[in-house]
């Protein structure tokens, strides 16, 4: 993540990979396929040209890995779809928020990624008006 290497990130995904963004209503935001989520990180990295992704804690067991992390980045580019429906112009603000990701793993590849992120703090720190 910190290296912004999308190809390396995708190489860890199984063929039937899905991602579940847990930041809203579970029924309105169901898990999406790799194809449906493919634009998220490219858009994210345009908005945050330099980032830090600090893993604070990792818990691993057979078939599952849990990471607690802190994301830090400066909003230097536009942040729009598919991250947000309406584009947010760069603010120059540095943001920092926490999250947890659960990786369901099989045969060394991520089958499902469930991401719990502090979207409220992200929106406040970036200066978005909702």
Protein backbone atom coordinates (compact mmCIF):
# COMPACT_ATOMS: atom_id res chain seq x y z
CA UNK A 1 0.00 0.00 0.00
CA UNK A 2 2.64 2.55 1.00
CA UNK A 3 4.59 1.77 -2.20
CA UNK A 4 1.36 2.32 -4.21
CA UNK A 5 2.14 -0.82 -6.21
CA UNK A 6 -1.28 -1.78 -7.54
CA UNK A 7 0.07 -4.72 -9.55
CA UNK A 8 1.71 -6.19 -6.44
CA UNK A 9 -1.51 -5.69 -4.49
CA UNK A 10 -3.58 -7.43 -7.19
CA UNK A 11 -1.10 -10.30 -7.44
CA UNK A 12 -2.17 -11.29 -3.92
CA UNK A 13 -5.83 -11.69 -4.93
CA UNK A 14 -7.43 -15.02 -5.75
CA UNK A 15 -9.40 -15.34 -8.97
CA UNK A 16 -12.71 -15.06 -7.07
CA UNK A 17 -11.51 -12.22 -4.78
CA UNK A 18 -14.11 -9.91 -3.25
CA UNK A 19 -13.72 -6.82 -1.09
CA UNK A 20 -16.20 -5.68 1.54
CA UNK A 21 -15.92 -1.97 2.42
CA UNK A 22 -17.52 -1.68 5.85
CA UNK A 23 -18.30 2.00 6.20
CA UNK A 24 -22.04 2.18 5.73
CA UNK A 25 -25.19 0.14 5.54
CA UNK A 26 -24.34 -3.55 5.10
CA UNK A 27 -27.31 -4.03 2.80
CA UNK A 28 -26.55 -1.03 0.59
CA UNK A 29 -22.83 -1.73 0.37
CA UNK A 30 -22.46 -5.46 -0.33
CA UNK A 31 -19.05 -7.00 -1.13
CA UNK A 32 -17.78 -6.28 -4.64
CA UNK A 33 -15.64 -8.28 -7.04
CA UNK A 34 -12.07 -7.46 -8.01
CA UNK A 35 -13.33 -6.00 -11.30
CA UNK A 36 -15.88 -3.80 -9.53
CA UNK A 37 -13.29 -2.49 -7.07
CA UNK A 38 -10.38 -2.18 -9.53
CA UNK A 39 -10.63 1.61 -9.78
CA UNK A 40 -10.54 2.31 -6.05
CA UNK A 41 -6.81 2.27 -5.35
CA UNK A 42 -5.77 4.05 -8.58
CA UNK A 43 -8.21 6.86 -7.69
CA UNK A 44 -6.99 6.82 -4.08
CA UNK A 45 -3.34 7.09 -5.12
CA UNK A 46 -4.13 10.02 -7.47
CA UNK A 47 -5.69 11.85 -4.53
CA UNK A 48 -2.91 10.97 -2.09
CA UNK A 49 0.38 11.05 -4.01
CA UNK A 50 2.50 10.24 -0.98
CA UNK A 51 1.13 7.98 1.71
CA UNK A 52 2.14 6.10 4.80
CA UNK A 53 0.39 2.89 5.74
CA UNK A 54 1.50 1.78 9.18
CA UNK A 55 0.43 -1.63 10.40
CA UNK A 56 0.08 -1.38 14.18
CA UNK A 57 -0.87 -4.99 14.89
CA UNK A 58 -1.26 -8.25 13.00
CA UNK A 59 -3.10 -11.34 14.16
CA UNK A 60 -2.82 -14.46 12.02
CA UNK A 61 -4.36 -17.90 12.11
CA UNK A 62 -5.02 -20.61 9.58
CA UNK A 63 -6.93 -18.99 6.75
CA UNK A 64 -7.26 -15.50 8.24
CA UNK A 65 -5.06 -12.48 8.87
CA UNK A 66 -6.22 -9.36 10.71
CA UNK A 67 -4.33 -6.07 10.55
CA UNK A 68 -4.93 -2.88 12.48
CA UNK A 69 -3.49 0.05 10.56
CA UNK A 70 -3.11 3.83 10.35
CA UNK A 71 -3.26 5.61 7.00
CA UNK A 72 -1.60 9.00 6.58
CA UNK A 73 -1.60 11.01 3.35
CA UNK A 74 -1.78 14.52 1.96
CA UNK A 75 -4.72 15.28 -0.32
CA UNK A 76 -2.86 16.65 -3.36
CA UNK A 77 -5.05 15.37 -6.21
CA UNK A 78 -8.76 15.05 -7.00
CA UNK A 79 -10.64 12.32 -5.14
CA UNK A 80 -13.64 11.10 -7.09
CA UNK A 81 -15.32 7.95 -8.34
CA UNK A 82 -15.27 5.20 -7.36
CA UNK A 83 -14.13 6.42 -3.92
CA UNK A 84 -16.75 9.19 -3.74
CA UNK A 85 -19.58 9.80 -6.17
CA UNK A 86 -18.82 13.52 -6.37
CA UNK A 87 -15.22 14.58 -6.89
CA UNK A 88 -13.46 16.33 -4.03
CA UNK A 89 -10.87 18.81 -5.23
CA UNK A 90 -7.45 18.69 -3.54
CA UNK A 91 -7.33 20.47 -0.19
CA UNK A 92 -3.64 20.08 0.62
CA UNK A 93 -4.67 18.74 4.02
CA UNK A 94 -2.83 15.86 5.61
CA UNK A 95 -5.19 13.24 6.94
CA UNK A 96 -4.70 10.40 9.35
CA UNK A 97 -7.25 7.72 10.18
CA UNK A 98 -7.40 4.20 11.53
CA UNK A 99 -8.85 0.98 10.23
CA UNK A 100 -8.86 -2.78 10.43
CA UNK A 101 -8.64 -5.23 7.54
CA UNK A 102 -9.54 -8.89 7.73
CA UNK A 103 -8.04 -11.09 5.01
CA UNK A 104 -9.54 -14.51 4.34
CA UNK A 105 -6.70 -16.47 2.75
CA UNK A 106 -6.56 -19.76 0.88
CA UNK A 107 -3.65 -21.27 -1.07
CA UNK A 108 -1.60 -18.16 -0.27
CA UNK A 109 -4.05 -15.76 -1.94
CA UNK A 110 -6.62 -13.34 -0.56
CA UNK A 111 -10.15 -14.65 -1.18
CA UNK A 112 -11.98 -11.90 0.70
CA UNK A 113 -10.82 -8.60 2.15
CA UNK A 114 -13.08 -6.92 4.70
CA UNK A 115 -12.03 -3.33 5.38
CA UNK A 116 -13.34 -1.40 8.39
CA UNK A 117 -12.27 2.22 7.99
CA UNK A 118 -12.95 5.39 9.92
CA UNK A 119 -14.69 7.21 7.08
CA UNK A 120 -16.08 9.93 9.37
CA UNK A 121 -12.58 11.00 10.42
CA UNK A 122 -11.42 10.89 6.79
CA UNK A 123 -14.25 13.20 5.71
CA UNK A 124 -13.70 15.65 8.60
CA UNK A 125 -9.93 15.78 8.10
CA UNK A 126 -10.17 16.22 4.34
CA UNK A 127 -12.64 19.07 4.87
CA UNK A 128 -15.51 17.49 2.95
CA UNK A 129 -18.98 18.91 3.38
CA UNK A 130 -21.78 16.39 3.42
